Amino acid sequence: MSGQLAVVAVSVLGELARDGLRLVGWMVALVLTPVVGVVVVVAMLVAAPFAAVGGGTSQPPPIPADQLAVMVEVSEESGVPWALLAAIASVESGFGANMATSWAGAIGYGQFMPASWAHWGEGDPYDYRDALPAMARYLLDHRVHEDIPGAVYAYNHSWEYVAFVVGRMAYYADTSGDEAAALRAHAGAPR
């Protein structure tokens, strides 16, 4: 008889354990579902600024010809790669298409913080002819010639931003390199 009781007890305990595990599984699912939802929403909010300026598309926006000419000129004067200036301008304001003040207070074409603009900028932060040289001065002061990723990180303290900008820099160098070379040749600069 005690053997039968033991079998019944093990069977009942096994069912209780299985039912308990199901209950725990449902409780975990009920708790994790809203957490996953919050994580997805936050990720979308973080990605939205990049998508707004072409980061969410398969191909970055083209560089406006007048702005490319200034980028090449600034590059020739400073040594900062024009494709890096293009990448930052593309990400920060979509080449001037979105110059609204950021949630952090950054302003203008290059999305400078006001104190940074006061230090590196001259003129109008909303005019690419003034913002591009300021961007180059900022990058030079942050050792862009020795460490492009480090200088870009100084511009925006996010390694995801650095990867995004450096990738876009390579894209612009590949797709707009001939146009930039033609601008340099037209200006009499060496290739």
N, C-alpha and C. Protein backbone atom coordinates (compact mmCIF):
# COMPACT_ATOMS: atom_id res chain seq x y z
N MET A 1 0.81 -1.19 0.00
CA MET A 1 0.00 0.00 0.00
C MET A 1 0.86 1.26 0.00
N SER A 2 1.92 1.23 0.79
CA SER A 2 2.76 2.42 0.85
C SER A 2 3.44 2.68 -0.49
N GLY A 3 3.69 1.62 -1.27
CA GLY A 3 4.26 1.79 -2.59
C GLY A 3 3.29 2.50 -3.52
N GLN A 4 2.00 2.15 -3.41
CA GLN A 4 1.00 2.81 -4.23
C GLN A 4 0.85 4.27 -3.83
N LEU A 5 0.92 4.54 -2.53
CA LEU A 5 0.85 5.93 -2.04
C LEU A 5 2.04 6.74 -2.57
N ALA A 6 3.17 6.11 -2.60
CA ALA A 6 4.37 6.80 -3.08
C ALA A 6 4.21 7.15 -4.56
N VAL A 7 3.67 6.22 -5.36
CA VAL A 7 3.47 6.47 -6.78
C VAL A 7 2.46 7.60 -6.97
N VAL A 8 1.36 7.56 -6.20
CA VAL A 8 0.36 8.62 -6.29
C VAL A 8 0.96 9.95 -5.86
N ALA A 9 1.74 9.93 -4.79
CA ALA A 9 2.35 11.18 -4.29
C ALA A 9 3.31 11.76 -5.34
N VAL A 10 4.12 10.91 -5.95
CA VAL A 10 5.06 11.37 -6.99
C VAL A 10 4.28 11.91 -8.18
N SER A 11 3.21 11.24 -8.56
CA SER A 11 2.38 11.68 -9.68
C SER A 11 1.76 13.03 -9.40
N VAL A 12 1.22 13.19 -8.20
CA VAL A 12 0.59 14.46 -7.82
C VAL A 12 1.64 15.56 -7.76
N LEU A 13 2.77 15.27 -7.13
CA LEU A 13 3.84 16.27 -7.03
C LEU A 13 4.36 16.64 -8.42
N GLY A 14 4.47 15.66 -9.32
CA GLY A 14 4.91 15.93 -10.67
C GLY A 14 3.95 16.85 -11.40
N GLU A 15 2.64 16.59 -11.23
CA GLU A 15 1.65 17.45 -11.85
C GLU A 15 1.69 18.86 -11.25
N LEU A 16 1.87 18.94 -9.93
CA LEU A 16 1.97 20.25 -9.29
C LEU A 16 3.20 21.01 -9.80
N ALA A 17 4.31 20.31 -9.93
CA ALA A 17 5.53 20.96 -10.41
C ALA A 17 5.34 21.44 -11.85
N ARG A 18 4.73 20.58 -12.69
CA ARG A 18 4.49 20.95 -14.07
C ARG A 18 3.53 22.14 -14.15
N ASP A 19 2.46 22.11 -13.35
CA ASP A 19 1.51 23.22 -13.33
C ASP A 19 2.18 24.49 -12.78
N GLY A 20 3.06 24.32 -11.80
CA GLY A 20 3.78 25.47 -11.25
C GLY A 20 4.70 26.09 -12.28
N LEU A 21 5.37 25.23 -13.07
CA LEU A 21 6.24 25.75 -14.12
C LEU A 21 5.44 26.48 -15.19
N ARG A 22 4.28 25.96 -15.54
CA ARG A 22 3.42 26.65 -16.50
C ARG A 22 3.02 28.02 -15.97
N LEU A 23 2.64 28.05 -14.70
CA LEU A 23 2.23 29.31 -14.07
C LEU A 23 3.39 30.31 -14.08
N VAL A 24 4.58 29.85 -13.74
CA VAL A 24 5.76 30.72 -13.76
C VAL A 24 6.02 31.21 -15.18
N GLY A 25 5.89 30.31 -16.15
CA GLY A 25 6.08 30.70 -17.55
C GLY A 25 5.12 31.79 -17.97
N TRP A 26 3.86 31.65 -17.62
CA TRP A 26 2.87 32.68 -17.95
C TRP A 26 3.17 33.99 -17.23
N MET A 27 3.60 33.91 -16.00
CA MET A 27 3.92 35.14 -15.25
C MET A 27 5.12 35.86 -15.89
N VAL A 28 6.13 35.09 -16.30
CA VAL A 28 7.29 35.69 -16.96
C VAL A 28 6.87 36.33 -18.27
N ALA A 29 6.04 35.64 -19.03
CA ALA A 29 5.57 36.20 -20.30
C ALA A 29 4.78 37.49 -20.07
N LEU A 30 3.94 37.50 -19.03
CA LEU A 30 3.15 38.71 -18.74
C LEU A 30 4.04 39.87 -18.33
N VAL A 31 5.13 39.58 -17.65
CA VAL A 31 6.04 40.65 -17.22
C VAL A 31 6.94 41.10 -18.37
N LEU A 32 7.45 40.16 -19.15
CA LEU A 32 8.40 40.50 -20.20
C LEU A 32 7.76 41.16 -21.42
N THR A 33 6.52 40.84 -21.71
CA THR A 33 5.88 41.42 -22.89
C THR A 33 5.87 42.94 -22.84
N PRO A 34 5.43 43.57 -21.74
CA PRO A 34 5.49 45.04 -21.72
C PRO A 34 6.92 45.57 -21.74
N VAL A 35 7.86 44.85 -21.12
CA VAL A 35 9.25 45.30 -21.11
C VAL A 35 9.80 45.29 -22.53
N VAL A 36 9.54 44.24 -23.27
CA VAL A 36 10.00 44.17 -24.66
C VAL A 36 9.35 45.28 -25.48
N GLY A 37 8.08 45.54 -25.24
CA GLY A 37 7.40 46.63 -25.94
C GLY A 37 8.05 47.97 -25.67
N VAL A 38 8.42 48.22 -24.43
CA VAL A 38 9.07 49.48 -24.07
C VAL A 38 10.44 49.58 -24.75
N VAL A 39 11.18 48.48 -24.77
CA VAL A 39 12.50 48.48 -25.42
C VAL A 39 12.36 48.78 -26.91
N VAL A 40 11.37 48.21 -27.57
CA VAL A 40 11.16 48.45 -28.99
C VAL A 40 10.80 49.91 -29.24
N VAL A 41 9.92 50.46 -28.42
CA VAL A 41 9.53 51.87 -28.59
C VAL A 41 10.73 52.79 -28.37
N VAL A 42 11.52 52.53 -27.35
CA VAL A 42 12.71 53.36 -27.09
C VAL A 42 13.68 53.25 -28.25
N ALA A 43 13.89 52.06 -28.77
CA ALA A 43 14.79 51.89 -29.92
C ALA A 43 14.30 52.67 -31.13
N MET A 44 13.00 52.68 -31.35
CA MET A 44 12.45 53.44 -32.47
C MET A 44 12.66 54.94 -32.26
N LEU A 45 12.49 55.40 -31.03
CA LEU A 45 12.69 56.82 -30.75
C LEU A 45 14.15 57.22 -30.92
N VAL A 46 15.06 56.34 -30.52
CA VAL A 46 16.49 56.63 -30.67
C VAL A 46 16.87 56.64 -32.15
N ALA A 47 16.31 55.76 -32.95
CA ALA A 47 16.66 55.67 -34.36
C ALA A 47 15.98 56.73 -35.22
N ALA A 48 14.89 57.32 -34.72
CA ALA A 48 14.12 58.27 -35.53
C ALA A 48 14.94 59.45 -36.06
N PRO A 49 15.81 60.08 -35.25
CA PRO A 49 16.57 61.22 -35.81
C PRO A 49 17.46 60.82 -36.98
N PHE A 50 18.04 59.61 -36.93
CA PHE A 50 18.89 59.17 -38.03
C PHE A 50 18.06 58.86 -39.26
N ALA A 51 16.89 58.28 -39.08
CA ALA A 51 16.02 57.97 -40.22
C ALA A 51 15.54 59.25 -40.88
N ALA A 52 15.34 60.30 -40.09
CA ALA A 52 14.81 61.55 -40.63
C ALA A 52 15.78 62.22 -41.60
N VAL A 53 17.07 61.93 -41.46
CA VAL A 53 18.04 62.54 -42.37
C VAL A 53 18.68 61.51 -43.29
N GLY A 54 17.98 60.44 -43.53
CA GLY A 54 18.46 59.47 -44.50
C GLY A 54 19.10 58.24 -43.91
N GLY A 55 19.25 58.19 -42.58
CA GLY A 55 19.89 57.03 -41.97
C GLY A 55 19.07 55.77 -42.09
N GLY A 56 17.76 55.89 -42.22
CA GLY A 56 16.91 54.72 -42.30
C GLY A 56 16.68 54.25 -43.72
N THR A 57 17.30 54.91 -44.67
CA THR A 57 17.13 54.52 -46.06
C THR A 57 18.32 53.68 -46.48
N SER A 58 18.18 53.02 -47.62
CA SER A 58 19.27 52.17 -48.09
C SER A 58 20.39 53.00 -48.70
N GLN A 59 20.12 54.21 -49.07
CA GLN A 59 21.12 55.05 -49.72
C GLN A 59 21.07 56.46 -49.12
N PRO A 60 22.23 56.99 -48.69
CA PRO A 60 22.25 58.34 -48.14
C PRO A 60 21.84 59.38 -49.17
N PRO A 61 21.39 60.55 -48.71
CA PRO A 61 20.99 61.59 -49.65
C PRO A 61 22.19 62.12 -50.43
N PRO A 62 21.97 62.57 -51.66
CA PRO A 62 23.09 63.12 -52.44
C PRO A 62 23.56 64.45 -51.85
N ILE A 63 24.82 64.75 -52.09
CA ILE A 63 25.40 66.01 -51.60
C ILE A 63 25.03 67.11 -52.59
N PRO A 64 24.39 68.18 -52.11
CA PRO A 64 24.11 69.30 -53.02
C PRO A 64 25.42 69.86 -53.58
N ALA A 65 25.45 70.15 -54.87
CA ALA A 65 26.68 70.57 -55.56
C ALA A 65 27.31 71.81 -54.94
N ASP A 66 26.49 72.80 -54.56
CA ASP A 66 27.06 74.01 -53.97
C ASP A 66 27.72 73.72 -52.62
N GLN A 67 27.15 72.80 -51.87
CA GLN A 67 27.74 72.43 -50.58
C GLN A 67 29.00 71.59 -50.78
N LEU A 68 28.97 70.70 -51.77
CA LEU A 68 30.16 69.89 -52.06
C LEU A 68 31.34 70.80 -52.43
N ALA A 69 31.08 71.84 -53.18
CA ALA A 69 32.16 72.77 -53.56
C ALA A 69 32.79 73.40 -52.32
N VAL A 70 31.98 73.78 -51.35
CA VAL A 70 32.51 74.36 -50.11
C VAL A 70 33.24 73.29 -49.30
N MET A 71 32.71 72.07 -49.28
CA MET A 71 33.38 70.98 -48.55
C MET A 71 34.76 70.71 -49.12
N VAL A 72 34.86 70.69 -50.44
CA VAL A 72 36.16 70.46 -51.09
C VAL A 72 37.11 71.61 -50.77
N GLU A 73 36.61 72.84 -50.82
CA GLU A 73 37.44 74.01 -50.50
C GLU A 73 37.94 73.94 -49.05
N VAL A 74 37.05 73.65 -48.12
CA VAL A 74 37.43 73.55 -46.71
C VAL A 74 38.42 72.40 -46.52
N SER A 75 38.22 71.31 -47.23
CA SER A 75 39.13 70.17 -47.15
C SER A 75 40.52 70.55 -47.64
N GLU A 76 40.58 71.28 -48.75
CA GLU A 76 41.87 71.71 -49.28
C GLU A 76 42.60 72.62 -48.30
N GLU A 77 41.85 73.48 -47.61
CA GLU A 77 42.46 74.43 -46.67
C GLU A 77 42.87 73.76 -45.36
N SER A 78 42.08 72.78 -44.90
CA SER A 78 42.29 72.23 -43.56
C SER A 78 42.90 70.83 -43.54
N GLY A 79 42.74 70.11 -44.62
CA GLY A 79 43.17 68.72 -44.64
C GLY A 79 42.14 67.75 -44.09
N VAL A 80 41.02 68.26 -43.61
CA VAL A 80 39.94 67.39 -43.13
C VAL A 80 39.26 66.80 -44.38
N PRO A 81 39.11 65.49 -44.44
CA PRO A 81 38.50 64.89 -45.64
C PRO A 81 37.11 65.47 -45.94
N TRP A 82 36.90 65.88 -47.19
CA TRP A 82 35.61 66.45 -47.57
C TRP A 82 34.50 65.43 -47.35
N ALA A 83 34.80 64.13 -47.54
CA ALA A 83 33.77 63.10 -47.37
C ALA A 83 33.34 63.00 -45.90
N LEU A 84 34.25 63.30 -44.98
CA LEU A 84 33.89 63.31 -43.56
C LEU A 84 32.97 64.48 -43.26
N LEU A 85 33.29 65.65 -43.82
CA LEU A 85 32.41 66.81 -43.65
C LEU A 85 31.03 66.52 -44.23
N ALA A 86 31.01 65.86 -45.39
CA ALA A 86 29.73 65.51 -46.02
C ALA A 86 28.94 64.54 -45.16
N ALA A 87 29.63 63.55 -44.61
CA ALA A 87 28.94 62.55 -43.78
C ALA A 87 28.32 63.20 -42.55
N ILE A 88 29.07 64.06 -41.88
CA ILE A 88 28.55 64.71 -40.67
C ILE A 88 27.39 65.63 -41.04
N ALA A 89 27.54 66.40 -42.10
CA ALA A 89 26.45 67.31 -42.52
C ALA A 89 25.20 66.52 -42.89
N SER A 90 25.40 65.40 -43.53
CA SER A 90 24.27 64.55 -43.91
C SER A 90 23.54 64.03 -42.68
N VAL A 91 24.29 63.52 -41.71
CA VAL A 91 23.68 62.94 -40.51
C VAL A 91 23.09 64.03 -39.61
N GLU A 92 23.81 65.12 -39.43
CA GLU A 92 23.36 66.14 -38.48
C GLU A 92 22.15 66.93 -38.95
N SER A 93 22.11 67.32 -40.22
CA SER A 93 21.00 68.17 -40.66
C SER A 93 20.43 67.78 -42.01
N GLY A 94 20.87 66.67 -42.57
CA GLY A 94 20.40 66.32 -43.91
C GLY A 94 20.78 67.39 -44.92
N PHE A 95 22.01 67.91 -44.80
CA PHE A 95 22.52 68.99 -45.65
C PHE A 95 21.63 70.24 -45.55
N GLY A 96 21.19 70.52 -44.33
CA GLY A 96 20.41 71.72 -44.09
C GLY A 96 18.91 71.54 -44.20
N ALA A 97 18.45 70.35 -44.52
CA ALA A 97 17.01 70.10 -44.65
C ALA A 97 16.30 70.10 -43.30
N ASN A 98 17.04 69.77 -42.22
CA ASN A 98 16.44 69.72 -40.88
C ASN A 98 17.41 70.37 -39.89
N MET A 99 17.25 71.68 -39.70
CA MET A 99 18.13 72.40 -38.79
C MET A 99 17.41 72.84 -37.52
N ALA A 100 16.35 72.12 -37.17
CA ALA A 100 15.64 72.44 -35.93
C ALA A 100 16.58 72.22 -34.75
N THR A 101 16.39 72.99 -33.72
CA THR A 101 17.18 72.82 -32.50
C THR A 101 16.90 71.43 -31.93
N SER A 102 17.96 70.71 -31.62
CA SER A 102 17.80 69.34 -31.12
C SER A 102 17.26 69.35 -29.69
N TRP A 103 16.86 68.18 -29.22
CA TRP A 103 16.38 68.04 -27.84
C TRP A 103 17.46 68.45 -26.84
N ALA A 104 18.73 68.32 -27.24
CA ALA A 104 19.84 68.68 -26.35
C ALA A 104 20.22 70.15 -26.46
N GLY A 105 19.66 70.86 -27.46
CA GLY A 105 19.96 72.27 -27.64
C GLY A 105 20.93 72.58 -28.77
N ALA A 106 21.31 71.55 -29.55
CA ALA A 106 22.24 71.76 -30.67
C ALA A 106 21.53 72.53 -31.78
N ILE A 107 22.30 73.38 -32.46
CA ILE A 107 21.72 74.29 -33.45
C ILE A 107 22.42 74.21 -34.79
N GLY A 108 21.68 74.57 -35.83
CA GLY A 108 22.26 74.84 -37.14
C GLY A 108 22.60 73.64 -38.01
N TYR A 109 23.31 73.95 -39.07
CA TYR A 109 23.69 73.00 -40.10
C TYR A 109 24.53 71.85 -39.53
N GLY A 110 25.45 72.17 -38.65
CA GLY A 110 26.33 71.15 -38.05
C GLY A 110 25.87 70.69 -36.68
N GLN A 111 24.71 71.18 -36.22
CA GLN A 111 24.16 70.83 -34.92
C GLN A 111 25.20 70.99 -33.80
N PHE A 112 25.72 72.21 -33.71
CA PHE A 112 26.65 72.57 -32.65
C PHE A 112 25.88 72.95 -31.39
N MET A 113 26.43 72.59 -30.25
CA MET A 113 25.92 73.14 -29.00
C MET A 113 26.32 74.62 -29.00
N PRO A 114 25.50 75.49 -28.44
CA PRO A 114 25.82 76.92 -28.48
C PRO A 114 27.22 77.27 -27.96
N ALA A 115 27.67 76.62 -26.90
CA ALA A 115 29.02 76.91 -26.38
C ALA A 115 30.09 76.45 -27.38
N SER A 116 29.86 75.34 -28.06
CA SER A 116 30.81 74.87 -29.07
C SER A 116 30.83 75.83 -30.26
N TRP A 117 29.66 76.30 -30.66
CA TRP A 117 29.62 77.26 -31.77
C TRP A 117 30.35 78.54 -31.38
N ALA A 118 30.18 78.98 -30.16
CA ALA A 118 30.85 80.20 -29.70
C ALA A 118 32.38 80.02 -29.77
N HIS A 119 32.85 78.80 -29.56
CA HIS A 119 34.29 78.55 -29.59
C HIS A 119 34.83 78.31 -31.01
N TRP A 120 34.18 77.46 -31.79
CA TRP A 120 34.70 77.07 -33.10
C TRP A 120 34.03 77.77 -34.28
N GLY A 121 32.86 78.32 -34.06
CA GLY A 121 32.12 78.91 -35.17
C GLY A 121 32.40 80.37 -35.38
N GLU A 122 32.10 80.79 -36.59
CA GLU A 122 32.16 82.21 -36.97
C GLU A 122 31.01 82.43 -37.93
N GLY A 123 30.21 83.47 -37.71
CA GLY A 123 29.11 83.75 -38.62
C GLY A 123 27.82 83.09 -38.20
N ASP A 124 27.12 82.52 -39.17
CA ASP A 124 25.78 81.98 -38.98
C ASP A 124 25.82 80.45 -38.91
N PRO A 125 25.44 79.86 -37.77
CA PRO A 125 25.49 78.39 -37.67
C PRO A 125 24.51 77.68 -38.61
N TYR A 126 23.57 78.43 -39.18
CA TYR A 126 22.59 77.84 -40.09
C TYR A 126 23.03 77.93 -41.56
N ASP A 127 24.16 78.56 -41.82
CA ASP A 127 24.69 78.71 -43.18
C ASP A 127 25.85 77.73 -43.36
N TYR A 128 25.72 76.84 -44.32
CA TYR A 128 26.76 75.82 -44.53
C TYR A 128 28.11 76.45 -44.83
N ARG A 129 28.14 77.63 -45.42
CA ARG A 129 29.42 78.28 -45.73
C ARG A 129 30.16 78.68 -44.46
N ASP A 130 29.44 78.88 -43.37
CA ASP A 130 30.06 79.17 -42.07
C ASP A 130 30.21 77.91 -41.23
N ALA A 131 29.26 77.00 -41.33
CA ALA A 131 29.26 75.81 -40.49
C ALA A 131 30.35 74.80 -40.90
N LEU A 132 30.57 74.63 -42.20
CA LEU A 132 31.57 73.64 -42.64
C LEU A 132 32.98 73.97 -42.15
N PRO A 133 33.44 75.23 -42.24
CA PRO A 133 34.76 75.53 -41.67
C PRO A 133 34.79 75.32 -40.15
N ALA A 134 33.69 75.62 -39.47
CA ALA A 134 33.63 75.40 -38.02
C ALA A 134 33.73 73.91 -37.70
N MET A 135 33.06 73.09 -38.50
CA MET A 135 33.14 71.65 -38.31
C MET A 135 34.59 71.19 -38.48
N ALA A 136 35.27 71.71 -39.48
CA ALA A 136 36.67 71.34 -39.71
C ALA A 136 37.54 71.79 -38.54
N ARG A 137 37.35 73.00 -38.06
CA ARG A 137 38.14 73.48 -36.90
C ARG A 137 37.92 72.58 -35.69
N TYR A 138 36.67 72.22 -35.45
CA TYR A 138 36.35 71.35 -34.32
C TYR A 138 37.08 70.01 -34.47
N LEU A 139 36.97 69.41 -35.65
CA LEU A 139 37.60 68.11 -35.88
C LEU A 139 39.12 68.20 -35.78
N LEU A 140 39.70 69.29 -36.28
CA LEU A 140 41.15 69.47 -36.17
C LEU A 140 41.58 69.57 -34.71
N ASP A 141 40.83 70.31 -33.93
CA ASP A 141 41.16 70.43 -32.50
C ASP A 141 41.01 69.10 -31.76
N HIS A 142 40.29 68.18 -32.36
CA HIS A 142 40.11 66.86 -31.75
C HIS A 142 40.90 65.79 -32.51
N ARG A 143 42.00 66.23 -33.15
CA ARG A 143 43.02 65.36 -33.74
C ARG A 143 42.50 64.46 -34.86
N VAL A 144 41.70 65.00 -35.74
CA VAL A 144 41.14 64.21 -36.84
C VAL A 144 42.22 63.60 -37.72
N HIS A 145 43.38 64.26 -37.85
CA HIS A 145 44.43 63.72 -38.71
C HIS A 145 45.07 62.47 -38.13
N GLU A 146 45.03 62.33 -36.81
CA GLU A 146 45.60 61.15 -36.16
C GLU A 146 44.56 60.07 -35.90
N ASP A 147 43.29 60.49 -35.72
CA ASP A 147 42.28 59.53 -35.25
C ASP A 147 40.88 59.99 -35.68
N ILE A 148 40.48 59.60 -36.89
CA ILE A 148 39.17 60.02 -37.38
C ILE A 148 38.05 59.54 -36.46
N PRO A 149 38.01 58.25 -36.08
CA PRO A 149 36.91 57.83 -35.19
C PRO A 149 36.90 58.59 -33.86
N GLY A 150 38.06 58.87 -33.31
CA GLY A 150 38.12 59.60 -32.05
C GLY A 150 37.61 61.03 -32.20
N ALA A 151 37.94 61.68 -33.31
CA ALA A 151 37.45 63.04 -33.55
C ALA A 151 35.94 63.04 -33.76
N VAL A 152 35.45 62.04 -34.47
CA VAL A 152 33.99 61.95 -34.68
C VAL A 152 33.30 61.66 -33.36
N TYR A 153 33.91 60.84 -32.52
CA TYR A 153 33.34 60.56 -31.20
C TYR A 153 33.28 61.84 -30.36
N ALA A 154 34.28 62.69 -30.49
CA ALA A 154 34.25 63.97 -29.77
C ALA A 154 33.09 64.83 -30.26
N TYR A 155 32.76 64.72 -31.55
CA TYR A 155 31.67 65.49 -32.14
C TYR A 155 30.32 65.05 -31.57
N ASN A 156 30.18 63.74 -31.37
CA ASN A 156 28.95 63.19 -30.80
C ASN A 156 29.33 61.93 -30.05
N HIS A 157 29.20 61.95 -28.74
CA HIS A 157 29.69 60.87 -27.88
C HIS A 157 28.86 59.60 -27.99
N SER A 158 28.94 58.96 -29.14
CA SER A 158 28.24 57.70 -29.38
C SER A 158 29.03 56.90 -30.40
N TRP A 159 29.39 55.67 -30.04
CA TRP A 159 30.13 54.84 -30.98
C TRP A 159 29.24 54.39 -32.13
N GLU A 160 27.94 54.32 -31.90
CA GLU A 160 27.01 54.02 -32.99
C GLU A 160 27.03 55.16 -34.01
N TYR A 161 27.07 56.39 -33.50
CA TYR A 161 27.16 57.57 -34.37
C TYR A 161 28.46 57.52 -35.18
N VAL A 162 29.56 57.18 -34.51
CA VAL A 162 30.85 57.10 -35.19
C VAL A 162 30.78 56.09 -36.33
N ALA A 163 30.25 54.91 -36.06
CA ALA A 163 30.15 53.88 -37.10
C ALA A 163 29.27 54.36 -38.25
N PHE A 164 28.19 55.03 -37.92
CA PHE A 164 27.27 55.53 -38.94
C PHE A 164 27.96 56.58 -39.81
N VAL A 165 28.65 57.53 -39.18
CA VAL A 165 29.32 58.61 -39.93
C VAL A 165 30.46 58.06 -40.77
N VAL A 166 31.27 57.19 -40.20
CA VAL A 166 32.41 56.64 -40.95
C VAL A 166 31.91 55.81 -42.14
N GLY A 167 30.84 55.07 -41.95
CA GLY A 167 30.25 54.33 -43.07
C GLY A 167 29.74 55.26 -44.15
N ARG A 168 29.10 56.32 -43.73
CA ARG A 168 28.57 57.28 -44.70
C ARG A 168 29.73 58.02 -45.38
N MET A 169 30.80 58.28 -44.66
CA MET A 169 31.99 58.91 -45.26
C MET A 169 32.53 58.05 -46.39
N ALA A 170 32.62 56.75 -46.15
CA ALA A 170 33.10 55.83 -47.20
C ALA A 170 32.16 55.84 -48.39
N TYR A 171 30.87 55.88 -48.13
CA TYR A 171 29.89 55.93 -49.22
C TYR A 171 30.09 57.17 -50.08
N TYR A 172 30.21 58.34 -49.42
CA TYR A 172 30.37 59.58 -50.19
C TYR A 172 31.69 59.61 -50.93
N ALA A 173 32.76 59.10 -50.34
CA ALA A 173 34.05 59.07 -51.03
C ALA A 173 33.95 58.21 -52.29
N ASP A 174 33.22 57.09 -52.20
CA ASP A 174 33.06 56.20 -53.35
C ASP A 174 32.15 56.80 -54.42
N THR A 175 31.04 57.41 -54.01
CA THR A 175 30.04 57.83 -54.99
C THR A 175 30.22 59.26 -55.48
N SER A 176 30.91 60.09 -54.72
CA SER A 176 31.08 61.49 -55.11
C SER A 176 32.54 61.87 -55.31
N GLY A 177 33.41 60.89 -55.27
CA GLY A 177 34.84 61.16 -55.39
C GLY A 177 35.22 61.80 -56.71
N ASP A 178 34.63 61.35 -57.81
CA ASP A 178 34.96 61.93 -59.12
C ASP A 178 34.51 63.39 -59.19
N GLU A 179 33.35 63.68 -58.65
CA GLU A 179 32.85 65.06 -58.66
C GLU A 179 33.75 65.95 -57.81
N ALA A 180 34.20 65.45 -56.66
CA ALA A 180 35.11 66.23 -55.82
C ALA A 180 36.44 66.44 -56.51
N ALA A 181 36.94 65.42 -57.19
CA ALA A 181 38.21 65.56 -57.92
C ALA A 181 38.07 66.59 -59.03
N ALA A 182 36.94 66.59 -59.72
CA ALA A 182 36.71 67.59 -60.78
C ALA A 182 36.67 68.99 -60.20
N LEU A 183 36.08 69.15 -59.01
CA LEU A 183 36.05 70.48 -58.37
C LEU A 183 37.46 70.92 -58.00
N ARG A 184 38.28 69.98 -57.49
CA ARG A 184 39.66 70.33 -57.15
C ARG A 184 40.45 70.71 -58.40
N ALA A 185 40.27 69.95 -59.47
CA ALA A 185 40.98 70.22 -60.71
C ALA A 185 40.56 71.57 -61.30
N HIS A 186 39.27 71.86 -61.22
CA HIS A 186 38.76 73.15 -61.73
C HIS A 186 39.35 74.32 -60.94
N ALA A 187 39.55 74.11 -59.64
CA ALA A 187 40.11 75.17 -58.80
C ALA A 187 41.63 75.23 -58.92
N GLY A 188 42.22 74.31 -59.66
CA GLY A 188 43.67 74.32 -59.84
C GLY A 188 44.42 73.57 -58.77
N ALA A 189 43.72 72.87 -57.91
CA ALA A 189 44.37 72.12 -56.84
C ALA A 189 44.88 70.79 -57.39
N PRO A 190 45.94 70.26 -56.80
CA PRO A 190 46.44 68.95 -57.25
C PRO A 190 45.42 67.86 -56.92
N ARG A 191 45.43 66.82 -57.72
CA ARG A 191 44.50 65.71 -57.50
C ARG A 191 44.94 64.89 -56.37
